[in-house]
């Protein structure tokens, strides 16, 4: 037995479900047309409700999921309690939200759909992808001086 090969197979077995969920998520994003620049553009021009309905359904799904988790005291796969801590108000969240909104409006992409756009062959999504990487790097450098 080759221990190196066994380790590689174990790694593949560990990440296969994660990759499968990512592929399914990408298919859902593509089929629901939320990766479409035209849909995002129409949303920001208030010309159609498609994206707003998708966002509202995500908020409702998240809220209901949290309610069910709290109501039935659900646990993680490891058996640990799920703890959702309240966070204090931070004005940096407002700045970040505004910056995120500008980026989303200009590029038609937010972090999740960038990968689906690339997977669908939308190569212009490389620009916001690189921008997101650079933005993360700049944030890491500036973080100690930012309001938190």
N, C-alpha and C. Protein backbone atom coordinates (compact mmCIF):
# COMPACT_ATOMS: atom_id res chain seq x y z
N UNK A 1 0.84 -1.20 0.00
CA UNK A 1 0.00 0.00 0.00
C UNK A 1 0.88 1.25 0.00
N UNK A 2 0.48 2.16 -0.81
CA UNK A 2 1.20 3.43 -0.89
C UNK A 2 0.53 4.43 0.05
N UNK A 3 1.20 4.82 1.16
CA UNK A 3 0.57 5.73 2.12
C UNK A 3 0.25 7.09 1.51
N UNK A 4 1.06 7.49 0.54
CA UNK A 4 0.80 8.77 -0.12
C UNK A 4 -0.52 8.74 -0.88
N UNK A 5 -0.75 7.63 -1.60
CA UNK A 5 -1.98 7.48 -2.37
C UNK A 5 -3.19 7.42 -1.44
N UNK A 6 -3.06 6.71 -0.32
CA UNK A 6 -4.17 6.64 0.64
C UNK A 6 -4.51 8.02 1.18
N UNK A 7 -3.48 8.82 1.48
CA UNK A 7 -3.72 10.19 1.95
C UNK A 7 -4.42 11.03 0.91
N UNK A 8 -4.03 10.86 -0.36
CA UNK A 8 -4.65 11.61 -1.45
C UNK A 8 -6.11 11.21 -1.59
N UNK A 9 -6.39 9.91 -1.54
CA UNK A 9 -7.78 9.44 -1.65
C UNK A 9 -8.62 9.94 -0.49
N UNK A 10 -8.04 9.98 0.70
CA UNK A 10 -8.75 10.49 1.87
C UNK A 10 -9.07 11.97 1.67
N UNK A 11 -8.12 12.71 1.13
CA UNK A 11 -8.34 14.14 0.87
C UNK A 11 -9.45 14.33 -0.15
N UNK A 12 -9.43 13.54 -1.22
CA UNK A 12 -10.48 13.63 -2.24
C UNK A 12 -11.83 13.28 -1.62
N UNK A 13 -11.88 12.25 -0.80
CA UNK A 13 -13.14 11.85 -0.16
C UNK A 13 -13.64 12.94 0.78
N UNK A 14 -12.72 13.67 1.40
CA UNK A 14 -13.10 14.74 2.31
C UNK A 14 -13.71 15.92 1.56
N UNK A 15 -13.10 16.27 0.43
CA UNK A 15 -13.53 17.47 -0.29
C UNK A 15 -14.59 17.20 -1.35
N UNK A 16 -14.81 15.96 -1.74
CA UNK A 16 -15.80 15.65 -2.77
C UNK A 16 -17.20 16.18 -2.43
N UNK A 17 -17.70 15.98 -1.20
CA UNK A 17 -19.03 16.53 -0.89
C UNK A 17 -19.07 18.06 -0.96
N UNK A 18 -17.98 18.70 -0.56
CA UNK A 18 -17.92 20.16 -0.60
C UNK A 18 -17.96 20.64 -2.04
N UNK A 19 -17.19 19.99 -2.90
CA UNK A 19 -17.18 20.35 -4.32
C UNK A 19 -18.54 20.09 -4.94
N UNK A 20 -19.17 18.98 -4.59
CA UNK A 20 -20.50 18.66 -5.12
C UNK A 20 -21.52 19.73 -4.72
N UNK A 21 -21.51 20.14 -3.46
CA UNK A 21 -22.43 21.19 -3.01
C UNK A 21 -22.13 22.49 -3.75
N UNK A 22 -20.86 22.81 -3.97
CA UNK A 22 -20.49 24.01 -4.71
C UNK A 22 -20.99 23.97 -6.15
N UNK A 23 -20.87 22.81 -6.78
CA UNK A 23 -21.37 22.66 -8.16
C UNK A 23 -22.88 22.83 -8.19
N UNK A 24 -23.58 22.22 -7.25
CA UNK A 24 -25.04 22.35 -7.19
C UNK A 24 -25.43 23.81 -6.96
N UNK A 25 -24.73 24.49 -6.05
CA UNK A 25 -24.99 25.91 -5.80
C UNK A 25 -24.77 26.73 -7.06
N UNK A 26 -23.70 26.44 -7.79
CA UNK A 26 -23.42 27.14 -9.04
C UNK A 26 -24.50 26.92 -10.08
N UNK A 27 -25.00 25.69 -10.17
CA UNK A 27 -26.09 25.39 -11.11
C UNK A 27 -27.34 26.16 -10.73
N UNK A 28 -27.65 26.20 -9.44
CA UNK A 28 -28.83 26.95 -8.98
C UNK A 28 -28.68 28.43 -9.29
N UNK A 29 -27.49 28.99 -9.04
CA UNK A 29 -27.26 30.41 -9.35
C UNK A 29 -27.43 30.67 -10.84
N UNK A 30 -26.92 29.75 -11.66
CA UNK A 30 -27.01 29.92 -13.11
C UNK A 30 -28.44 29.80 -13.59
N UNK A 31 -29.14 28.76 -13.16
CA UNK A 31 -30.53 28.53 -13.60
C UNK A 31 -31.47 29.62 -13.12
N UNK A 32 -31.20 30.19 -11.95
CA UNK A 32 -32.07 31.26 -11.44
C UNK A 32 -31.71 32.61 -12.03
N UNK A 33 -30.67 32.63 -12.87
CA UNK A 33 -30.23 33.82 -13.60
C UNK A 33 -29.67 34.93 -12.70
N UNK A 34 -29.29 34.61 -11.48
CA UNK A 34 -28.72 35.66 -10.63
C UNK A 34 -27.28 35.98 -11.00
N UNK A 35 -26.67 35.18 -11.87
CA UNK A 35 -25.31 35.50 -12.32
C UNK A 35 -25.34 36.39 -13.56
N UNK A 36 -26.52 36.69 -14.05
CA UNK A 36 -26.66 37.50 -15.26
C UNK A 36 -26.42 38.98 -14.96
N UNK A 37 -25.47 39.57 -15.68
CA UNK A 37 -25.20 41.00 -15.51
C UNK A 37 -26.45 41.80 -15.81
N UNK A 38 -27.23 41.36 -16.80
CA UNK A 38 -28.44 42.10 -17.19
C UNK A 38 -29.48 42.09 -16.07
N UNK A 39 -29.59 40.97 -15.36
CA UNK A 39 -30.53 40.91 -14.21
C UNK A 39 -30.09 41.87 -13.11
N UNK A 40 -28.80 41.89 -12.81
CA UNK A 40 -28.27 42.78 -11.77
C UNK A 40 -28.46 44.23 -12.20
N UNK A 41 -28.14 44.52 -13.45
CA UNK A 41 -28.30 45.88 -13.98
C UNK A 41 -29.75 46.33 -13.88
N UNK A 42 -30.69 45.46 -14.27
CA UNK A 42 -32.12 45.78 -14.19
C UNK A 42 -32.57 45.99 -12.76
N UNK A 43 -31.98 45.24 -11.83
CA UNK A 43 -32.33 45.42 -10.42
C UNK A 43 -31.93 46.81 -9.95
N UNK A 44 -30.71 47.22 -10.25
CA UNK A 44 -30.24 48.52 -9.78
C UNK A 44 -30.93 49.68 -10.48
N UNK A 45 -31.53 49.42 -11.63
CA UNK A 45 -32.32 50.46 -12.31
C UNK A 45 -33.80 50.39 -11.91
N UNK A 46 -34.13 49.47 -11.01
CA UNK A 46 -35.51 49.25 -10.55
C UNK A 46 -36.45 48.93 -11.72
N UNK A 47 -35.96 48.15 -12.68
CA UNK A 47 -36.77 47.80 -13.85
C UNK A 47 -37.47 46.46 -13.71
N UNK A 48 -36.96 45.59 -12.86
CA UNK A 48 -37.63 44.31 -12.63
C UNK A 48 -37.36 43.81 -11.22
N UNK A 49 -38.25 42.95 -10.75
CA UNK A 49 -38.20 42.49 -9.35
C UNK A 49 -37.50 41.16 -9.17
N UNK A 50 -37.04 40.53 -10.23
CA UNK A 50 -36.46 39.18 -10.16
C UNK A 50 -35.42 39.05 -9.05
N UNK A 51 -34.42 39.91 -9.06
CA UNK A 51 -33.34 39.82 -8.08
C UNK A 51 -33.83 40.13 -6.67
N UNK A 52 -34.72 41.09 -6.56
CA UNK A 52 -35.27 41.42 -5.23
C UNK A 52 -36.01 40.22 -4.65
N UNK A 53 -36.76 39.51 -5.48
CA UNK A 53 -37.49 38.34 -5.01
C UNK A 53 -36.53 37.23 -4.58
N UNK A 54 -35.46 37.05 -5.34
CA UNK A 54 -34.45 36.04 -4.97
C UNK A 54 -33.81 36.41 -3.62
N UNK A 55 -33.45 37.68 -3.47
CA UNK A 55 -32.82 38.14 -2.22
C UNK A 55 -33.78 37.99 -1.05
N UNK A 56 -35.03 38.38 -1.24
CA UNK A 56 -36.02 38.26 -0.17
C UNK A 56 -36.23 36.79 0.20
N UNK A 57 -36.27 35.91 -0.80
CA UNK A 57 -36.45 34.49 -0.49
C UNK A 57 -35.25 33.95 0.28
N UNK A 58 -34.05 34.44 -0.01
CA UNK A 58 -32.86 34.02 0.74
C UNK A 58 -32.93 34.50 2.18
N UNK A 59 -33.39 35.73 2.38
CA UNK A 59 -33.52 36.27 3.74
C UNK A 59 -34.55 35.48 4.53
N UNK A 60 -35.69 35.19 3.91
CA UNK A 60 -36.74 34.43 4.59
C UNK A 60 -36.25 33.02 4.91
N UNK A 61 -35.56 32.38 3.97
CA UNK A 61 -35.03 31.04 4.20
C UNK A 61 -34.03 31.05 5.36
N UNK A 62 -33.14 32.04 5.38
CA UNK A 62 -32.17 32.15 6.48
C UNK A 62 -32.84 32.39 7.82
N UNK A 63 -33.84 33.28 7.83
CA UNK A 63 -34.55 33.58 9.09
C UNK A 63 -35.29 32.35 9.60
N UNK A 64 -35.98 31.65 8.70
CA UNK A 64 -36.70 30.43 9.11
C UNK A 64 -35.72 29.36 9.59
N UNK A 65 -34.59 29.23 8.92
CA UNK A 65 -33.59 28.25 9.33
C UNK A 65 -33.08 28.55 10.73
N UNK A 66 -32.76 29.81 11.01
CA UNK A 66 -32.32 30.18 12.35
C UNK A 66 -33.40 29.94 13.39
N UNK A 67 -34.65 30.22 13.04
CA UNK A 67 -35.76 29.99 13.96
C UNK A 67 -35.86 28.50 14.30
N UNK A 68 -35.78 27.64 13.26
CA UNK A 68 -35.88 26.19 13.47
C UNK A 68 -34.70 25.71 14.33
N UNK A 69 -33.50 26.21 14.04
CA UNK A 69 -32.32 25.82 14.82
C UNK A 69 -32.50 26.17 16.29
N UNK A 70 -32.98 27.37 16.55
CA UNK A 70 -33.17 27.81 17.94
C UNK A 70 -34.35 27.09 18.60
N UNK A 71 -35.45 26.96 17.88
CA UNK A 71 -36.68 26.36 18.43
C UNK A 71 -36.44 24.91 18.85
N UNK A 72 -35.75 24.15 18.01
CA UNK A 72 -35.56 22.73 18.27
C UNK A 72 -34.16 22.41 18.82
N UNK A 73 -33.42 23.46 19.17
CA UNK A 73 -32.10 23.28 19.78
C UNK A 73 -31.23 22.32 18.97
N UNK A 74 -31.19 22.52 17.65
CA UNK A 74 -30.45 21.62 16.77
C UNK A 74 -28.95 21.73 17.01
N UNK A 75 -28.25 20.67 16.68
CA UNK A 75 -26.81 20.60 16.90
C UNK A 75 -26.09 20.42 15.55
N UNK A 76 -24.77 20.67 15.56
CA UNK A 76 -23.97 20.46 14.36
C UNK A 76 -23.78 18.97 14.13
N UNK A 77 -23.15 18.62 13.03
CA UNK A 77 -22.87 17.21 12.74
C UNK A 77 -22.00 16.60 13.83
N UNK A 78 -21.14 17.42 14.43
CA UNK A 78 -20.26 16.93 15.50
C UNK A 78 -20.98 16.88 16.85
N UNK A 79 -22.26 17.27 16.90
CA UNK A 79 -23.02 17.22 18.14
C UNK A 79 -22.91 18.46 19.00
N UNK A 80 -22.25 19.50 18.49
CA UNK A 80 -22.09 20.73 19.26
C UNK A 80 -23.31 21.63 19.05
N UNK A 81 -23.66 22.44 20.06
CA UNK A 81 -24.79 23.36 19.88
C UNK A 81 -24.45 24.45 18.87
N UNK A 82 -25.46 24.89 18.13
CA UNK A 82 -25.28 25.98 17.18
C UNK A 82 -25.49 27.28 17.96
N UNK A 83 -24.46 28.12 17.99
CA UNK A 83 -24.53 29.37 18.73
C UNK A 83 -24.44 30.54 17.75
N UNK A 84 -25.46 31.39 17.76
CA UNK A 84 -25.46 32.59 16.92
C UNK A 84 -25.37 33.77 17.88
N UNK A 85 -24.21 34.41 17.90
CA UNK A 85 -23.98 35.51 18.83
C UNK A 85 -24.46 36.83 18.24
N UNK A 86 -25.01 37.68 19.09
CA UNK A 86 -25.36 39.04 18.67
C UNK A 86 -24.08 39.84 18.53
N UNK A 87 -24.06 40.72 17.54
CA UNK A 87 -22.87 41.54 17.31
C UNK A 87 -23.20 43.00 17.54
N UNK A 88 -22.27 43.75 18.11
CA UNK A 88 -22.52 45.18 18.33
C UNK A 88 -22.49 45.93 17.00
N UNK A 89 -23.14 47.10 16.99
CA UNK A 89 -23.14 47.95 15.81
C UNK A 89 -21.72 48.43 15.53
N UNK A 90 -21.35 48.42 14.26
CA UNK A 90 -20.04 48.92 13.85
C UNK A 90 -20.24 49.77 12.60
N UNK A 91 -19.75 50.99 12.63
CA UNK A 91 -19.95 51.85 11.46
C UNK A 91 -19.17 51.35 10.25
N UNK A 92 -18.16 50.54 10.46
CA UNK A 92 -17.41 49.96 9.35
C UNK A 92 -18.29 49.08 8.46
N UNK A 93 -19.34 48.50 9.04
CA UNK A 93 -20.27 47.68 8.26
C UNK A 93 -20.99 48.54 7.22
N UNK A 94 -21.32 49.76 7.60
CA UNK A 94 -21.98 50.69 6.66
C UNK A 94 -21.03 51.01 5.51
N UNK A 95 -19.78 51.35 5.83
CA UNK A 95 -18.80 51.65 4.79
C UNK A 95 -18.60 50.44 3.87
N UNK A 96 -18.46 49.28 4.47
CA UNK A 96 -18.27 48.06 3.68
C UNK A 96 -19.47 47.75 2.81
N UNK A 97 -20.67 47.95 3.35
CA UNK A 97 -21.88 47.71 2.58
C UNK A 97 -22.01 48.64 1.39
N UNK A 98 -21.67 49.90 1.60
CA UNK A 98 -21.72 50.88 0.50
C UNK A 98 -20.69 50.51 -0.57
N UNK A 99 -19.48 50.18 -0.15
CA UNK A 99 -18.44 49.79 -1.09
C UNK A 99 -18.83 48.52 -1.85
N UNK A 100 -19.39 47.55 -1.12
CA UNK A 100 -19.86 46.31 -1.74
C UNK A 100 -20.95 46.61 -2.77
N UNK A 101 -21.91 47.47 -2.41
CA UNK A 101 -23.00 47.82 -3.32
C UNK A 101 -22.50 48.50 -4.58
N UNK A 102 -21.54 49.42 -4.43
CA UNK A 102 -20.96 50.07 -5.62
C UNK A 102 -20.28 49.03 -6.52
N UNK A 103 -19.51 48.16 -5.91
CA UNK A 103 -18.82 47.12 -6.69
C UNK A 103 -19.79 46.20 -7.39
N UNK A 104 -20.86 45.83 -6.69
CA UNK A 104 -21.87 44.95 -7.27
C UNK A 104 -22.57 45.64 -8.44
N UNK A 105 -22.92 46.91 -8.26
CA UNK A 105 -23.61 47.65 -9.32
C UNK A 105 -22.71 47.84 -10.54
N UNK A 106 -21.44 48.10 -10.32
CA UNK A 106 -20.53 48.35 -11.44
C UNK A 106 -20.18 47.07 -12.19
N UNK A 107 -19.89 46.00 -11.45
CA UNK A 107 -19.42 44.77 -12.09
C UNK A 107 -20.52 43.76 -12.38
N UNK A 108 -21.64 43.86 -11.68
CA UNK A 108 -22.71 42.87 -11.86
C UNK A 108 -22.37 41.55 -11.20
N UNK A 109 -21.45 41.56 -10.24
CA UNK A 109 -21.04 40.32 -9.59
C UNK A 109 -20.81 40.56 -8.10
N UNK A 110 -21.22 39.59 -7.30
CA UNK A 110 -20.85 39.58 -5.90
C UNK A 110 -20.08 38.28 -5.66
N UNK A 111 -19.45 38.09 -4.51
CA UNK A 111 -18.50 36.99 -4.34
C UNK A 111 -18.99 35.59 -4.71
N UNK A 112 -20.19 35.20 -4.32
CA UNK A 112 -20.67 33.85 -4.64
C UNK A 112 -20.81 33.61 -6.14
N UNK A 113 -21.55 34.45 -6.83
CA UNK A 113 -21.76 34.24 -8.26
C UNK A 113 -20.53 34.41 -9.14
N UNK A 114 -19.46 35.03 -8.65
CA UNK A 114 -18.27 35.17 -9.50
C UNK A 114 -17.81 33.81 -9.99
N UNK A 115 -17.78 32.82 -9.11
CA UNK A 115 -17.31 31.48 -9.49
C UNK A 115 -18.27 30.84 -10.49
N UNK A 116 -19.57 31.04 -10.29
CA UNK A 116 -20.56 30.50 -11.23
C UNK A 116 -20.43 31.19 -12.58
N UNK A 117 -20.18 32.50 -12.57
CA UNK A 117 -19.99 33.22 -13.83
C UNK A 117 -18.77 32.67 -14.57
N UNK A 118 -17.69 32.46 -13.87
CA UNK A 118 -16.50 31.89 -14.50
C UNK A 118 -16.79 30.49 -15.03
N UNK A 119 -17.50 29.69 -14.24
CA UNK A 119 -17.87 28.34 -14.67
C UNK A 119 -18.77 28.33 -15.88
N UNK A 120 -19.56 29.39 -16.05
CA UNK A 120 -20.46 29.50 -17.20
C UNK A 120 -19.76 30.12 -18.40
N UNK A 121 -18.46 30.40 -18.27
CA UNK A 121 -17.71 30.95 -19.39
C UNK A 121 -17.77 32.46 -19.52
N UNK A 122 -18.24 33.14 -18.49
CA UNK A 122 -18.28 34.61 -18.50
C UNK A 122 -16.91 35.12 -18.05
N UNK A 123 -15.98 35.21 -19.00
CA UNK A 123 -14.60 35.50 -18.65
C UNK A 123 -14.39 36.92 -18.14
N UNK A 124 -15.32 37.82 -18.40
CA UNK A 124 -15.20 39.16 -17.83
C UNK A 124 -15.32 39.14 -16.31
N UNK A 125 -15.85 38.03 -15.77
CA UNK A 125 -15.93 37.89 -14.31
C UNK A 125 -14.55 37.78 -13.68
N UNK A 126 -13.52 37.57 -14.50
CA UNK A 126 -12.16 37.57 -13.96
C UNK A 126 -11.80 38.93 -13.37
N UNK A 127 -12.34 39.99 -13.94
CA UNK A 127 -12.03 41.33 -13.43
C UNK A 127 -12.53 41.53 -12.01
N UNK A 128 -13.82 41.26 -11.71
CA UNK A 128 -14.23 41.39 -10.30
C UNK A 128 -13.57 40.36 -9.40
N UNK A 129 -13.23 39.18 -9.94
CA UNK A 129 -12.54 38.16 -9.15
C UNK A 129 -11.18 38.69 -8.69
N UNK A 130 -10.42 39.24 -9.63
CA UNK A 130 -9.11 39.81 -9.30
C UNK A 130 -9.31 41.01 -8.37
N UNK A 131 -10.34 41.82 -8.64
CA UNK A 131 -10.64 42.96 -7.77
C UNK A 131 -10.96 42.53 -6.35
N UNK A 132 -11.70 41.42 -6.22
CA UNK A 132 -12.03 40.91 -4.89
C UNK A 132 -10.77 40.43 -4.16
N UNK A 133 -9.87 39.77 -4.89
CA UNK A 133 -8.61 39.34 -4.27
C UNK A 133 -7.78 40.53 -3.83
N UNK A 134 -7.66 41.53 -4.71
CA UNK A 134 -6.90 42.73 -4.35
C UNK A 134 -7.55 43.48 -3.19
N UNK A 135 -8.89 43.57 -3.22
CA UNK A 135 -9.61 44.23 -2.13
C UNK A 135 -9.39 43.52 -0.80
N UNK A 136 -9.39 42.19 -0.82
CA UNK A 136 -9.13 41.42 0.40
C UNK A 136 -7.72 41.68 0.92
N UNK A 137 -6.78 41.77 0.00
CA UNK A 137 -5.39 42.04 0.38
C UNK A 137 -5.26 43.43 1.00
N UNK A 138 -5.86 44.42 0.35
CA UNK A 138 -5.80 45.80 0.86
C UNK A 138 -6.49 45.88 2.23
N UNK A 139 -7.63 45.18 2.37
CA UNK A 139 -8.32 45.17 3.66
C UNK A 139 -7.42 44.57 4.75
N UNK A 140 -6.74 43.47 4.41
CA UNK A 140 -5.86 42.84 5.40
C UNK A 140 -4.75 43.80 5.83
N UNK A 141 -4.24 44.59 4.89
CA UNK A 141 -3.20 45.56 5.23
C UNK A 141 -3.76 46.71 6.08
N UNK A 142 -4.97 47.17 5.73
CA UNK A 142 -5.55 48.35 6.39
C UNK A 142 -6.34 48.01 7.64
N UNK A 143 -6.64 46.75 7.88
CA UNK A 143 -7.53 46.35 8.97
C UNK A 143 -7.18 46.95 10.33
N UNK A 144 -5.91 46.99 10.72
CA UNK A 144 -5.61 47.56 12.04
C UNK A 144 -6.01 49.03 12.19
N UNK A 145 -6.11 49.75 11.08
CA UNK A 145 -6.44 51.17 11.15
C UNK A 145 -7.90 51.46 10.85
N UNK A 146 -8.70 50.44 10.58
CA UNK A 146 -10.11 50.64 10.24
C UNK A 146 -10.99 50.57 11.49
N UNK A 147 -12.16 51.24 11.45
CA UNK A 147 -13.07 51.16 12.61
C UNK A 147 -13.72 49.77 12.68
N UNK A 148 -13.58 49.14 13.83
CA UNK A 148 -14.20 47.82 14.04
C UNK A 148 -15.01 47.84 15.31
